């Protein structure tokens, strides 16, 4: 803005404006030199979002499982069956998701 106010002709205003646009493009990581960094940041943000979604789902499933088990006697056959079923139906799947997220973040 200072350069525009000091400009004495239209060419100087255009030059100052172009410099301003270049600064905005560079600082917002939209120039060709910043493309790799922008892609890395997108990958990191995507991984963080996936992890957040997974953790929310995991918390919901674990809370639901806890509510279902509250009425069961400790160390009873029913509790052991519920534990085995939860492990077989969800924990193995969750382990695979965690391994995938871990591998993805190691690549970044």
Protein backbone atom coordinates (compact mmCIF):
# COMPACT_ATOMS: atom_id res chain seq x y z
CA UNK A 1 0.00 0.00 0.00
CA UNK A 2 2.89 2.34 0.75
CA UNK A 3 4.35 1.75 -2.70
CA UNK A 4 1.02 2.57 -4.34
CA UNK A 5 0.68 5.83 -2.42
CA UNK A 6 4.22 6.84 -3.48
CA UNK A 7 3.64 5.93 -7.12
CA UNK A 8 3.92 8.79 -9.55
CA UNK A 9 2.35 7.09 -12.56
CA UNK A 10 0.20 4.15 -13.55
CA UNK A 11 3.19 1.91 -14.36
CA UNK A 12 4.45 2.17 -10.79
CA UNK A 13 0.96 1.36 -9.45
CA UNK A 14 0.82 -1.73 -11.70
CA UNK A 15 4.31 -2.77 -10.63
CA UNK A 16 3.41 -2.40 -6.93
CA UNK A 17 0.18 -4.31 -7.48
CA UNK A 18 2.00 -7.18 -9.21
CA UNK A 19 4.53 -7.33 -6.37
CA UNK A 20 1.65 -7.47 -3.90
CA UNK A 21 -0.04 -10.30 -5.83
CA UNK A 22 3.22 -12.24 -5.96
CA UNK A 23 3.63 -11.90 -2.18
CA UNK A 24 0.09 -13.15 -1.58
CA UNK A 25 0.58 -16.09 -3.94
CA UNK A 26 3.87 -17.06 -2.33
CA UNK A 27 2.69 -16.71 1.27
CA UNK A 28 -0.43 -18.76 0.58
CA UNK A 29 1.76 -21.56 -0.88
CA UNK A 30 0.21 -21.26 -4.33
CA UNK A 31 3.37 -20.56 -6.30
CA UNK A 32 5.22 -23.40 -8.09
CA UNK A 33 8.11 -23.32 -5.59
CA UNK A 34 5.73 -24.09 -2.71
CA UNK A 35 3.80 -26.91 -4.42
CA UNK A 36 5.71 -29.73 -2.69
CA UNK A 37 5.31 -28.14 0.74
CA UNK A 38 1.60 -27.56 0.11
CA UNK A 39 1.14 -31.22 -0.89
CA UNK A 40 3.00 -32.40 2.23
CA UNK A 41 0.86 -30.19 4.46
CA UNK A 42 -2.32 -31.48 2.81
CA UNK A 43 -1.14 -35.04 3.44
CA UNK A 44 -0.45 -34.28 7.08
CA UNK A 45 -3.81 -32.56 7.55
CA UNK A 46 -5.59 -35.48 5.85
CA UNK A 47 -3.83 -37.95 8.17
CA UNK A 48 -4.73 -35.89 11.24
CA UNK A 49 -8.35 -35.76 10.10
CA UNK A 50 -8.43 -39.53 9.54
CA UNK A 51 -6.89 -40.13 12.97
CA UNK A 52 -9.42 -37.81 14.62
CA UNK A 53 -12.30 -39.61 12.90
CA UNK A 54 -10.91 -42.99 13.91
CA UNK A 55 -10.46 -41.93 17.55
CA UNK A 56 -14.00 -40.58 17.72
CA UNK A 57 -15.37 -43.83 16.32
CA UNK A 58 -13.18 -45.87 18.68
CA UNK A 59 -14.38 -43.86 21.68
CA UNK A 60 -18.02 -44.30 20.65
CA UNK A 61 -17.61 -48.06 20.16
CA UNK A 62 -15.72 -48.52 23.44
CA UNK A 63 -18.33 -46.48 25.35
CA UNK A 64 -21.14 -48.53 23.81
CA UNK A 65 -19.32 -51.75 24.68
CA UNK A 66 -18.87 -50.58 28.27
CA UNK A 67 -22.58 -49.79 28.55
CA UNK A 68 -23.46 -53.25 27.21
CA UNK A 69 -21.16 -54.99 29.70
CA UNK A 70 -22.28 -53.12 32.82
CA UNK A 71 -24.97 -55.69 33.52
CA UNK A 72 -22.65 -58.69 33.17
CA UNK A 73 -20.96 -60.40 36.09
CA UNK A 74 -17.16 -60.08 36.12
CA UNK A 75 -15.33 -63.14 34.78
CA UNK A 76 -18.59 -64.81 33.74
CA UNK A 77 -19.03 -66.77 30.52
CA UNK A 78 -21.26 -64.01 29.18
CA UNK A 79 -18.59 -61.39 29.79
CA UNK A 80 -15.91 -63.53 28.17
CA UNK A 81 -18.14 -64.12 25.13
CA UNK A 82 -18.89 -60.40 24.86
CA UNK A 83 -15.19 -59.64 25.10
CA UNK A 84 -14.34 -62.20 22.41
CA UNK A 85 -17.09 -60.91 20.14
CA UNK A 86 -15.99 -57.28 20.53
CA UNK A 87 -12.39 -58.28 19.86
CA UNK A 88 -13.31 -60.30 16.77
CA UNK A 89 -15.76 -57.76 15.37
CA UNK A 90 -14.02 -54.47 16.04
CA UNK A 91 -10.57 -54.54 17.64
CA UNK A 92 -8.98 -56.48 14.78
CA UNK A 93 -10.46 -53.99 12.30
CA UNK A 94 -9.26 -51.06 14.44
CA UNK A 95 -5.76 -52.53 14.58
CA UNK A 96 -5.68 -52.61 10.77
CA UNK A 97 -6.79 -48.99 10.59
CA UNK A 98 -4.12 -47.94 13.10
CA UNK A 99 -1.44 -49.76 11.09
CA UNK A 100 -2.63 -48.05 7.89
CA UNK A 101 -2.57 -44.62 9.55
CA UNK A 102 0.89 -45.32 10.97
CA UNK A 103 2.25 -46.37 7.57
CA UNK A 104 0.71 -43.34 5.90
CA UNK A 105 2.26 -40.93 8.37
CA UNK A 106 5.68 -42.58 8.04
CA UNK A 107 5.64 -41.89 4.29
CA UNK A 108 5.05 -38.19 4.93
